[in-house]
Amino acid sequence: MLAFALETAVNNVLQLDMESPARVKKLEGRLLQVDLEGLGITLFFTFKHGVVRVRLQAEGQPDTVISGTPVALFKMAEPEEADWGLPDSKVHINGDANLARDLEKIFRKLEPDWEGPLAGMFGDVAGHQLAQGLRQGAESARETARTASKIISDIIKDRRS
């Protein structure tokens, strides 16, 4: 269920950006394994025809294995977090690090067109207002996630001291 929900969410957002399918096609034939430390969950990502597939099992050896806590991996998805590949970032990458960088670039360059679909459903004015609200909401969610990540990180540091 987690794999399906993640796959659906990722592809829905990628489809809102006209350039994303072409960027994802460049990853075709690659296999990414993501280990969520502390949860015991492993996800496998494949790329075909501009679409991301997420599964709990995969055939073959992954090109890249990325492991980390959910908080550390979430930071990796944040475009402002340029230090995720550094040794002290708590994200571990084995194999082809270029695949991880290519994925990070896809999400960093992501510019979803929220207005088009919303204007089609609600009209131009309401669609524009809703899209503006979504952009503001997304920024608020990113800021909340950054704050939560910092708080969790501080709590973990305090408990280790």
N, C-alpha and C. Protein backbone atom coordinates (compact mmCIF):
# COMPACT_ATOMS: atom_id res chain seq x y z
N MET A 1 0.82 -1.19 0.00
CA MET A 1 0.00 0.00 0.00
C MET A 1 0.87 1.26 0.00
N LEU A 2 1.95 1.25 0.80
CA LEU A 2 2.88 2.37 0.84
C LEU A 2 3.51 2.59 -0.53
N ALA A 3 3.96 1.52 -1.16
CA ALA A 3 4.60 1.63 -2.48
C ALA A 3 3.63 2.20 -3.50
N PHE A 4 2.41 1.71 -3.50
CA PHE A 4 1.40 2.19 -4.46
C PHE A 4 1.09 3.67 -4.22
N ALA A 5 0.92 4.05 -2.96
CA ALA A 5 0.59 5.45 -2.64
C ALA A 5 1.74 6.37 -3.03
N LEU A 6 2.96 5.95 -2.76
CA LEU A 6 4.12 6.76 -3.11
C LEU A 6 4.27 6.87 -4.63
N GLU A 7 4.11 5.76 -5.32
CA GLU A 7 4.18 5.76 -6.78
C GLU A 7 3.14 6.69 -7.38
N THR A 8 1.92 6.61 -6.90
CA THR A 8 0.83 7.45 -7.41
C THR A 8 1.13 8.93 -7.16
N ALA A 9 1.55 9.25 -5.95
CA ALA A 9 1.83 10.65 -5.61
C ALA A 9 2.97 11.21 -6.46
N VAL A 10 4.06 10.46 -6.58
CA VAL A 10 5.22 10.92 -7.35
C VAL A 10 4.83 11.16 -8.81
N ASN A 11 4.14 10.19 -9.41
CA ASN A 11 3.79 10.32 -10.82
C ASN A 11 2.75 11.42 -11.06
N ASN A 12 1.83 11.61 -10.14
CA ASN A 12 0.86 12.69 -10.29
C ASN A 12 1.54 14.05 -10.29
N VAL A 13 2.50 14.24 -9.41
CA VAL A 13 3.22 15.51 -9.38
C VAL A 13 4.11 15.65 -10.62
N LEU A 14 4.79 14.59 -11.01
CA LEU A 14 5.65 14.66 -12.19
C LEU A 14 4.86 14.97 -13.46
N GLN A 15 3.64 14.48 -13.55
CA GLN A 15 2.82 14.73 -14.74
C GLN A 15 2.39 16.19 -14.86
N LEU A 16 2.43 16.93 -13.78
CA LEU A 16 2.06 18.34 -13.82
C LEU A 16 3.19 19.23 -14.36
N ASP A 17 4.37 18.65 -14.54
CA ASP A 17 5.51 19.38 -15.09
C ASP A 17 5.82 18.81 -16.47
N MET A 18 5.75 19.63 -17.48
CA MET A 18 5.90 19.18 -18.87
C MET A 18 7.26 18.54 -19.15
N GLU A 19 8.30 18.95 -18.44
CA GLU A 19 9.66 18.46 -18.70
C GLU A 19 9.99 17.17 -17.96
N SER A 20 9.25 16.85 -16.91
CA SER A 20 9.59 15.71 -16.05
C SER A 20 9.61 14.36 -16.76
N PRO A 21 8.61 14.03 -17.60
CA PRO A 21 8.67 12.72 -18.26
C PRO A 21 9.95 12.51 -19.07
N ALA A 22 10.42 13.54 -19.75
CA ALA A 22 11.67 13.42 -20.52
C ALA A 22 12.86 13.21 -19.59
N ARG A 23 12.85 13.89 -18.45
CA ARG A 23 13.94 13.72 -17.48
C ARG A 23 13.93 12.31 -16.89
N VAL A 24 12.72 11.79 -16.61
CA VAL A 24 12.61 10.44 -16.04
C VAL A 24 13.01 9.40 -17.08
N LYS A 25 12.71 9.62 -18.35
CA LYS A 25 13.09 8.67 -19.41
C LYS A 25 14.60 8.45 -19.45
N LYS A 26 15.36 9.45 -19.08
CA LYS A 26 16.83 9.32 -19.08
C LYS A 26 17.31 8.30 -18.04
N LEU A 27 16.43 7.98 -17.09
CA LEU A 27 16.79 7.02 -16.04
C LEU A 27 16.32 5.60 -16.36
N GLU A 28 15.71 5.43 -17.53
CA GLU A 28 15.13 4.15 -17.92
C GLU A 28 16.15 3.02 -17.82
N GLY A 29 15.67 1.90 -17.27
CA GLY A 29 16.52 0.73 -17.11
C GLY A 29 17.32 0.73 -15.82
N ARG A 30 17.25 1.77 -15.03
CA ARG A 30 18.00 1.86 -13.77
C ARG A 30 17.13 1.33 -12.63
N LEU A 31 17.76 0.85 -11.60
CA LEU A 31 17.07 0.34 -10.42
C LEU A 31 17.65 1.01 -9.18
N LEU A 32 16.79 1.64 -8.41
CA LEU A 32 17.18 2.32 -7.18
C LEU A 32 16.53 1.61 -6.01
N GLN A 33 17.33 1.30 -5.01
CA GLN A 33 16.82 0.72 -3.76
C GLN A 33 16.92 1.78 -2.67
N VAL A 34 15.81 1.98 -1.94
CA VAL A 34 15.80 2.93 -0.83
C VAL A 34 15.43 2.18 0.44
N ASP A 35 16.34 2.20 1.40
CA ASP A 35 16.12 1.55 2.69
C ASP A 35 15.76 2.61 3.72
N LEU A 36 14.56 2.47 4.29
CA LEU A 36 14.10 3.40 5.32
C LEU A 36 14.53 2.85 6.69
N GLU A 37 15.63 3.38 7.18
CA GLU A 37 16.18 2.90 8.45
C GLU A 37 15.24 3.20 9.61
N GLY A 38 15.15 2.27 10.52
CA GLY A 38 14.28 2.43 11.67
C GLY A 38 12.87 1.93 11.41
N LEU A 39 12.50 1.77 10.14
CA LEU A 39 11.17 1.27 9.80
C LEU A 39 11.22 -0.14 9.21
N GLY A 40 12.40 -0.54 8.78
CA GLY A 40 12.53 -1.86 8.18
C GLY A 40 11.82 -1.97 6.85
N ILE A 41 11.73 -0.88 6.11
CA ILE A 41 11.04 -0.88 4.82
C ILE A 41 12.07 -0.62 3.73
N THR A 42 12.01 -1.43 2.68
CA THR A 42 12.85 -1.25 1.50
C THR A 42 11.95 -1.03 0.30
N LEU A 43 12.22 0.02 -0.45
CA LEU A 43 11.46 0.35 -1.65
C LEU A 43 12.38 0.29 -2.86
N PHE A 44 11.86 -0.18 -3.98
CA PHE A 44 12.62 -0.25 -5.21
C PHE A 44 11.95 0.64 -6.25
N PHE A 45 12.75 1.50 -6.87
CA PHE A 45 12.25 2.44 -7.87
C PHE A 45 12.83 2.07 -9.23
N THR A 46 11.94 1.93 -10.22
CA THR A 46 12.35 1.73 -11.59
C THR A 46 11.74 2.85 -12.43
N PHE A 47 12.26 3.02 -13.62
CA PHE A 47 11.86 4.13 -14.48
C PHE A 47 11.62 3.61 -15.88
N LYS A 48 10.41 3.84 -16.39
CA LYS A 48 10.08 3.34 -17.73
C LYS A 48 9.06 4.26 -18.38
N HIS A 49 9.32 4.66 -19.61
CA HIS A 49 8.41 5.50 -20.39
C HIS A 49 8.05 6.79 -19.66
N GLY A 50 9.01 7.36 -18.94
CA GLY A 50 8.77 8.62 -18.24
C GLY A 50 7.96 8.49 -16.97
N VAL A 51 7.80 7.26 -16.49
CA VAL A 51 7.00 7.00 -15.29
C VAL A 51 7.87 6.31 -14.25
N VAL A 52 7.64 6.65 -12.99
CA VAL A 52 8.35 6.03 -11.87
C VAL A 52 7.50 4.89 -11.33
N ARG A 53 8.11 3.75 -11.13
CA ARG A 53 7.43 2.60 -10.53
C ARG A 53 8.07 2.34 -9.17
N VAL A 54 7.23 2.10 -8.17
CA VAL A 54 7.72 1.83 -6.81
C VAL A 54 7.19 0.46 -6.39
N ARG A 55 8.09 -0.40 -5.96
CA ARG A 55 7.72 -1.75 -5.56
C ARG A 55 8.43 -2.12 -4.26
N LEU A 56 7.94 -3.17 -3.63
CA LEU A 56 8.55 -3.68 -2.41
C LEU A 56 9.58 -4.77 -2.71
N GLN A 57 9.57 -5.27 -3.93
CA GLN A 57 10.53 -6.29 -4.36
C GLN A 57 10.99 -5.95 -5.77
N ALA A 58 12.18 -6.42 -6.11
CA ALA A 58 12.68 -6.17 -7.45
C ALA A 58 13.58 -7.33 -7.87
N GLU A 59 13.66 -7.50 -9.18
CA GLU A 59 14.56 -8.51 -9.72
C GLU A 59 15.86 -7.81 -10.13
N GLY A 60 16.95 -8.45 -9.88
CA GLY A 60 18.23 -7.88 -10.27
C GLY A 60 18.86 -7.06 -9.16
N GLN A 61 20.08 -6.65 -9.44
CA GLN A 61 20.84 -5.86 -8.50
C GLN A 61 20.57 -4.37 -8.73
N PRO A 62 20.37 -3.62 -7.65
CA PRO A 62 20.16 -2.18 -7.82
C PRO A 62 21.44 -1.48 -8.27
N ASP A 63 21.26 -0.44 -9.08
CA ASP A 63 22.40 0.39 -9.49
C ASP A 63 22.87 1.23 -8.31
N THR A 64 21.92 1.63 -7.49
CA THR A 64 22.20 2.50 -6.36
C THR A 64 21.35 2.08 -5.16
N VAL A 65 21.96 2.10 -3.99
CA VAL A 65 21.23 1.86 -2.74
C VAL A 65 21.39 3.11 -1.88
N ILE A 66 20.25 3.68 -1.52
CA ILE A 66 20.25 4.85 -0.64
C ILE A 66 19.58 4.42 0.66
N SER A 67 20.23 4.70 1.78
CA SER A 67 19.63 4.34 3.06
C SER A 67 19.75 5.53 4.01
N GLY A 68 18.78 5.60 4.89
CA GLY A 68 18.76 6.66 5.88
C GLY A 68 17.43 6.66 6.60
N THR A 69 17.38 7.46 7.64
CA THR A 69 16.11 7.60 8.36
C THR A 69 15.15 8.37 7.46
N PRO A 70 13.86 8.25 7.71
CA PRO A 70 12.91 9.04 6.91
C PRO A 70 13.21 10.54 6.95
N VAL A 71 13.64 11.06 8.11
CA VAL A 71 13.95 12.49 8.21
C VAL A 71 15.13 12.83 7.30
N ALA A 72 16.19 12.02 7.34
CA ALA A 72 17.37 12.29 6.51
C ALA A 72 17.03 12.18 5.03
N LEU A 73 16.22 11.19 4.67
CA LEU A 73 15.84 11.03 3.27
C LEU A 73 14.92 12.15 2.82
N PHE A 74 14.06 12.64 3.70
CA PHE A 74 13.20 13.76 3.35
C PHE A 74 14.05 14.99 3.04
N LYS A 75 15.10 15.21 3.81
CA LYS A 75 15.98 16.34 3.56
C LYS A 75 16.59 16.25 2.17
N MET A 76 16.81 15.02 1.72
CA MET A 76 17.38 14.81 0.39
C MET A 76 16.46 15.36 -0.70
N ALA A 77 15.15 15.32 -0.45
CA ALA A 77 14.18 15.81 -1.43
C ALA A 77 14.04 17.32 -1.42
N GLU A 78 14.62 17.97 -0.42
CA GLU A 78 14.54 19.42 -0.32
C GLU A 78 15.63 20.05 -1.19
N PRO A 79 15.27 20.86 -2.17
CA PRO A 79 16.27 21.47 -3.02
C PRO A 79 17.30 22.31 -2.27
N GLU A 80 16.93 22.89 -1.14
CA GLU A 80 17.84 23.73 -0.39
C GLU A 80 18.89 22.92 0.37
N GLU A 81 18.66 21.65 0.52
CA GLU A 81 19.57 20.80 1.29
C GLU A 81 20.66 20.25 0.38
N ALA A 82 21.67 21.05 0.12
CA ALA A 82 22.73 20.65 -0.80
C ALA A 82 23.73 19.71 -0.15
N ASP A 83 23.67 19.51 1.17
CA ASP A 83 24.68 18.70 1.85
C ASP A 83 24.25 17.24 2.06
N TRP A 84 23.17 16.79 1.42
CA TRP A 84 22.69 15.43 1.68
C TRP A 84 23.69 14.36 1.25
N GLY A 85 24.57 14.65 0.36
CA GLY A 85 25.53 13.65 -0.10
C GLY A 85 26.81 13.62 0.72
N LEU A 86 26.95 14.51 1.69
CA LEU A 86 28.15 14.56 2.51
C LEU A 86 28.11 13.47 3.58
N PRO A 87 29.29 13.03 4.05
CA PRO A 87 29.35 11.92 5.01
C PRO A 87 28.52 12.13 6.28
N ASP A 88 28.41 13.34 6.80
CA ASP A 88 27.68 13.54 8.05
C ASP A 88 26.19 13.81 7.84
N SER A 89 25.67 13.61 6.64
CA SER A 89 24.26 13.90 6.36
C SER A 89 23.32 12.79 6.83
N LYS A 90 23.86 11.65 7.21
CA LYS A 90 23.08 10.48 7.65
C LYS A 90 22.33 9.81 6.51
N VAL A 91 22.67 10.16 5.28
CA VAL A 91 22.17 9.47 4.09
C VAL A 91 23.36 8.70 3.53
N HIS A 92 23.19 7.40 3.35
CA HIS A 92 24.27 6.56 2.83
C HIS A 92 23.93 6.13 1.41
N ILE A 93 24.88 6.31 0.52
CA ILE A 93 24.69 5.96 -0.88
C ILE A 93 25.76 4.97 -1.28
N ASN A 94 25.32 3.83 -1.78
CA ASN A 94 26.24 2.81 -2.30
C ASN A 94 25.91 2.58 -3.76
N GLY A 95 26.93 2.43 -4.55
CA GLY A 95 26.71 2.21 -5.98
C GLY A 95 26.87 3.51 -6.74
N ASP A 96 26.08 3.68 -7.77
CA ASP A 96 26.17 4.82 -8.66
C ASP A 96 25.51 6.05 -8.05
N ALA A 97 26.32 6.94 -7.49
CA ALA A 97 25.78 8.15 -6.86
C ALA A 97 25.16 9.09 -7.89
N ASN A 98 25.52 8.92 -9.16
CA ASN A 98 24.93 9.78 -10.20
C ASN A 98 23.43 9.58 -10.31
N LEU A 99 22.95 8.37 -10.08
CA LEU A 99 21.51 8.13 -10.13
C LEU A 99 20.81 8.95 -9.05
N ALA A 100 21.37 8.99 -7.85
CA ALA A 100 20.79 9.80 -6.78
C ALA A 100 20.82 11.28 -7.15
N ARG A 101 21.90 11.74 -7.73
CA ARG A 101 22.00 13.15 -8.15
C ARG A 101 21.00 13.45 -9.26
N ASP A 102 20.84 12.53 -10.21
CA ASP A 102 19.89 12.74 -11.30
C ASP A 102 18.47 12.86 -10.78
N LEU A 103 18.11 12.02 -9.81
CA LEU A 103 16.78 12.11 -9.21
C LEU A 103 16.60 13.42 -8.47
N GLU A 104 17.62 13.82 -7.73
CA GLU A 104 17.55 15.09 -7.01
C GLU A 104 17.34 16.24 -7.98
N LYS A 105 18.00 16.20 -9.13
CA LYS A 105 17.84 17.25 -10.15
C LYS A 105 16.42 17.27 -10.70
N ILE A 106 15.84 16.09 -10.89
CA ILE A 106 14.46 16.03 -11.40
C ILE A 106 13.52 16.78 -10.45
N PHE A 107 13.65 16.52 -9.16
CA PHE A 107 12.76 17.15 -8.20
C PHE A 107 13.11 18.62 -7.97
N ARG A 108 14.39 18.96 -8.09
CA ARG A 108 14.78 20.37 -7.94
C ARG A 108 14.23 21.21 -9.09
N LYS A 109 14.22 20.66 -10.30
CA LYS A 109 13.74 21.39 -11.47
C LYS A 109 12.23 21.30 -11.66
N LEU A 110 11.58 20.57 -10.80
CA LEU A 110 10.14 20.36 -10.92
C LEU A 110 9.37 21.68 -10.79
N GLU A 111 8.59 21.96 -11.80
CA GLU A 111 7.74 23.15 -11.80
C GLU A 111 6.34 22.76 -12.22
N PRO A 112 5.57 22.18 -11.29
CA PRO A 112 4.23 21.71 -11.66
C PRO A 112 3.29 22.84 -12.04
N ASP A 113 2.49 22.60 -13.06
CA ASP A 113 1.48 23.56 -13.51
C ASP A 113 0.17 23.22 -12.82
N TRP A 114 -0.03 23.80 -11.64
CA TRP A 114 -1.27 23.55 -10.90
C TRP A 114 -2.44 24.27 -11.53
N GLU A 115 -2.17 25.42 -12.16
CA GLU A 115 -3.26 26.25 -12.67
C GLU A 115 -4.03 25.61 -13.79
N GLY A 116 -3.34 24.96 -14.73
CA GLY A 116 -4.03 24.36 -15.88
C GLY A 116 -5.14 23.41 -15.47
N PRO A 117 -4.83 22.36 -14.71
CA PRO A 117 -5.89 21.43 -14.30
C PRO A 117 -6.97 22.07 -13.44
N LEU A 118 -6.56 22.97 -12.52
CA LEU A 118 -7.54 23.60 -11.64
C LEU A 118 -8.45 24.56 -12.40
N ALA A 119 -7.89 25.28 -13.38
CA ALA A 119 -8.72 26.18 -14.19
C ALA A 119 -9.72 25.38 -15.01
N GLY A 120 -9.31 24.21 -15.48
CA GLY A 120 -10.23 23.35 -16.23
C GLY A 120 -11.38 22.85 -15.38
N MET A 121 -11.13 22.66 -14.09
CA MET A 121 -12.17 22.15 -13.20
C MET A 121 -13.03 23.26 -12.60
N PHE A 122 -12.40 24.40 -12.26
CA PHE A 122 -13.10 25.42 -11.50
C PHE A 122 -13.23 26.77 -12.20
N GLY A 123 -12.67 26.89 -13.39
CA GLY A 123 -12.68 28.18 -14.09
C GLY A 123 -11.37 28.91 -13.87
N ASP A 124 -11.12 29.92 -14.72
CA ASP A 124 -9.83 30.61 -14.69
C ASP A 124 -9.55 31.32 -13.38
N VAL A 125 -10.49 32.10 -12.89
CA VAL A 125 -10.25 32.89 -11.68
C VAL A 125 -10.08 31.98 -10.46
N ALA A 126 -11.01 31.08 -10.27
CA ALA A 126 -10.92 30.18 -9.11
C ALA A 126 -9.69 29.27 -9.24
N GLY A 127 -9.40 28.80 -10.46
CA GLY A 127 -8.23 27.96 -10.68
C GLY A 127 -6.95 28.68 -10.31
N HIS A 128 -6.85 29.95 -10.71
CA HIS A 128 -5.67 30.75 -10.37
C HIS A 128 -5.55 30.90 -8.85
N GLN A 129 -6.64 31.21 -8.19
CA GLN A 129 -6.62 31.40 -6.74
C GLN A 129 -6.28 30.10 -6.02
N LEU A 130 -6.84 29.00 -6.47
CA LEU A 130 -6.53 27.71 -5.86
C LEU A 130 -5.07 27.33 -6.06
N ALA A 131 -4.56 27.57 -7.28
CA ALA A 131 -3.15 27.26 -7.56
C ALA A 131 -2.24 28.10 -6.68
N GLN A 132 -2.57 29.37 -6.52
CA GLN A 132 -1.79 30.24 -5.65
C GLN A 132 -1.82 29.72 -4.21
N GLY A 133 -2.99 29.28 -3.78
CA GLY A 133 -3.11 28.70 -2.44
C GLY A 133 -2.29 27.43 -2.29
N LEU A 134 -2.28 26.59 -3.32
CA LEU A 134 -1.47 25.37 -3.29
C LEU A 134 0.02 25.69 -3.20
N ARG A 135 0.46 26.68 -3.98
CA ARG A 135 1.87 27.06 -3.92
C ARG A 135 2.23 27.56 -2.53
N GLN A 136 1.37 28.39 -1.94
CA GLN A 136 1.63 28.89 -0.59
C GLN A 136 1.58 27.76 0.43
N GLY A 137 0.62 26.86 0.24
CA GLY A 137 0.51 25.71 1.14
C GLY A 137 1.71 24.80 1.04
N ALA A 138 2.20 24.59 -0.17
CA ALA A 138 3.39 23.75 -0.36
C ALA A 138 4.60 24.37 0.31
N GLU A 139 4.74 25.68 0.19
CA GLU A 139 5.86 26.36 0.84
C GLU A 139 5.72 26.26 2.36
N SER A 140 4.51 26.41 2.88
CA SER A 140 4.29 26.27 4.32
C SER A 140 4.61 24.84 4.77
N ALA A 141 4.23 23.86 3.97
CA ALA A 141 4.51 22.46 4.30
C ALA A 141 6.02 22.21 4.32
N ARG A 142 6.74 22.78 3.33
CA ARG A 142 8.20 22.62 3.31
C ARG A 142 8.83 23.26 4.54
N GLU A 143 8.36 24.44 4.90
CA GLU A 143 8.89 25.12 6.08
C GLU A 143 8.58 24.33 7.35
N THR A 144 7.37 23.79 7.45
CA THR A 144 7.00 22.97 8.60
C THR A 144 7.87 21.73 8.67
N ALA A 145 8.11 21.10 7.52
CA ALA A 145 8.96 19.90 7.49
C ALA A 145 10.38 20.23 7.91
N ARG A 146 10.91 21.37 7.45
CA ARG A 146 12.26 21.77 7.84
C ARG A 146 12.32 21.99 9.35
N THR A 147 11.31 22.66 9.89
CA THR A 147 11.27 22.92 11.33
C THR A 147 11.15 21.62 12.11
N ALA A 148 10.25 20.74 11.68
CA ALA A 148 10.08 19.45 12.35
C ALA A 148 11.36 18.63 12.30
N SER A 149 12.02 18.64 11.16
CA SER A 149 13.27 17.91 11.00
C SER A 149 14.32 18.43 11.97
N LYS A 150 14.41 19.75 12.10
CA LYS A 150 15.38 20.35 13.02
C LYS A 150 15.04 19.99 14.46
N ILE A 151 13.78 20.05 14.82
CA ILE A 151 13.36 19.72 16.19
C ILE A 151 13.69 18.26 16.50
N ILE A 152 13.36 17.35 15.58
CA ILE A 152 13.65 15.93 15.79
C ILE A 152 15.15 15.71 15.91
N SER A 153 15.90 16.36 15.04
CA SER A 153 17.36 16.25 15.08
C SER A 153 17.91 16.75 16.41
N ASP A 154 17.39 17.87 16.90
CA ASP A 154 17.84 18.42 18.19
C ASP A 154 17.49 17.48 19.34
N ILE A 155 16.30 16.88 19.29
CA ILE A 155 15.89 15.94 20.34
C ILE A 155 16.82 14.73 20.37
N ILE A 156 17.13 14.22 19.18
CA ILE A 156 18.02 13.06 19.10
C ILE A 156 19.40 13.41 19.63
N LYS A 157 19.91 14.58 19.28
CA LYS A 157 21.22 15.02 19.78
C LYS A 157 21.21 15.15 21.30
N ASP A 158 20.12 15.73 21.85
CA ASP A 158 20.02 15.92 23.31
C ASP A 158 19.99 14.57 24.02
N ARG A 159 19.31 13.60 23.45
CA ARG A 159 19.22 12.28 24.11
C ARG A 159 20.54 11.54 24.07
N ARG A 160 21.34 11.82 23.04
CA ARG A 160 22.65 11.17 22.94
C ARG A 160 23.66 11.79 23.90
N SER A 161 23.40 13.04 24.31
CA SER A 161 24.36 13.75 25.19
C SER A 161 24.25 13.30 26.62
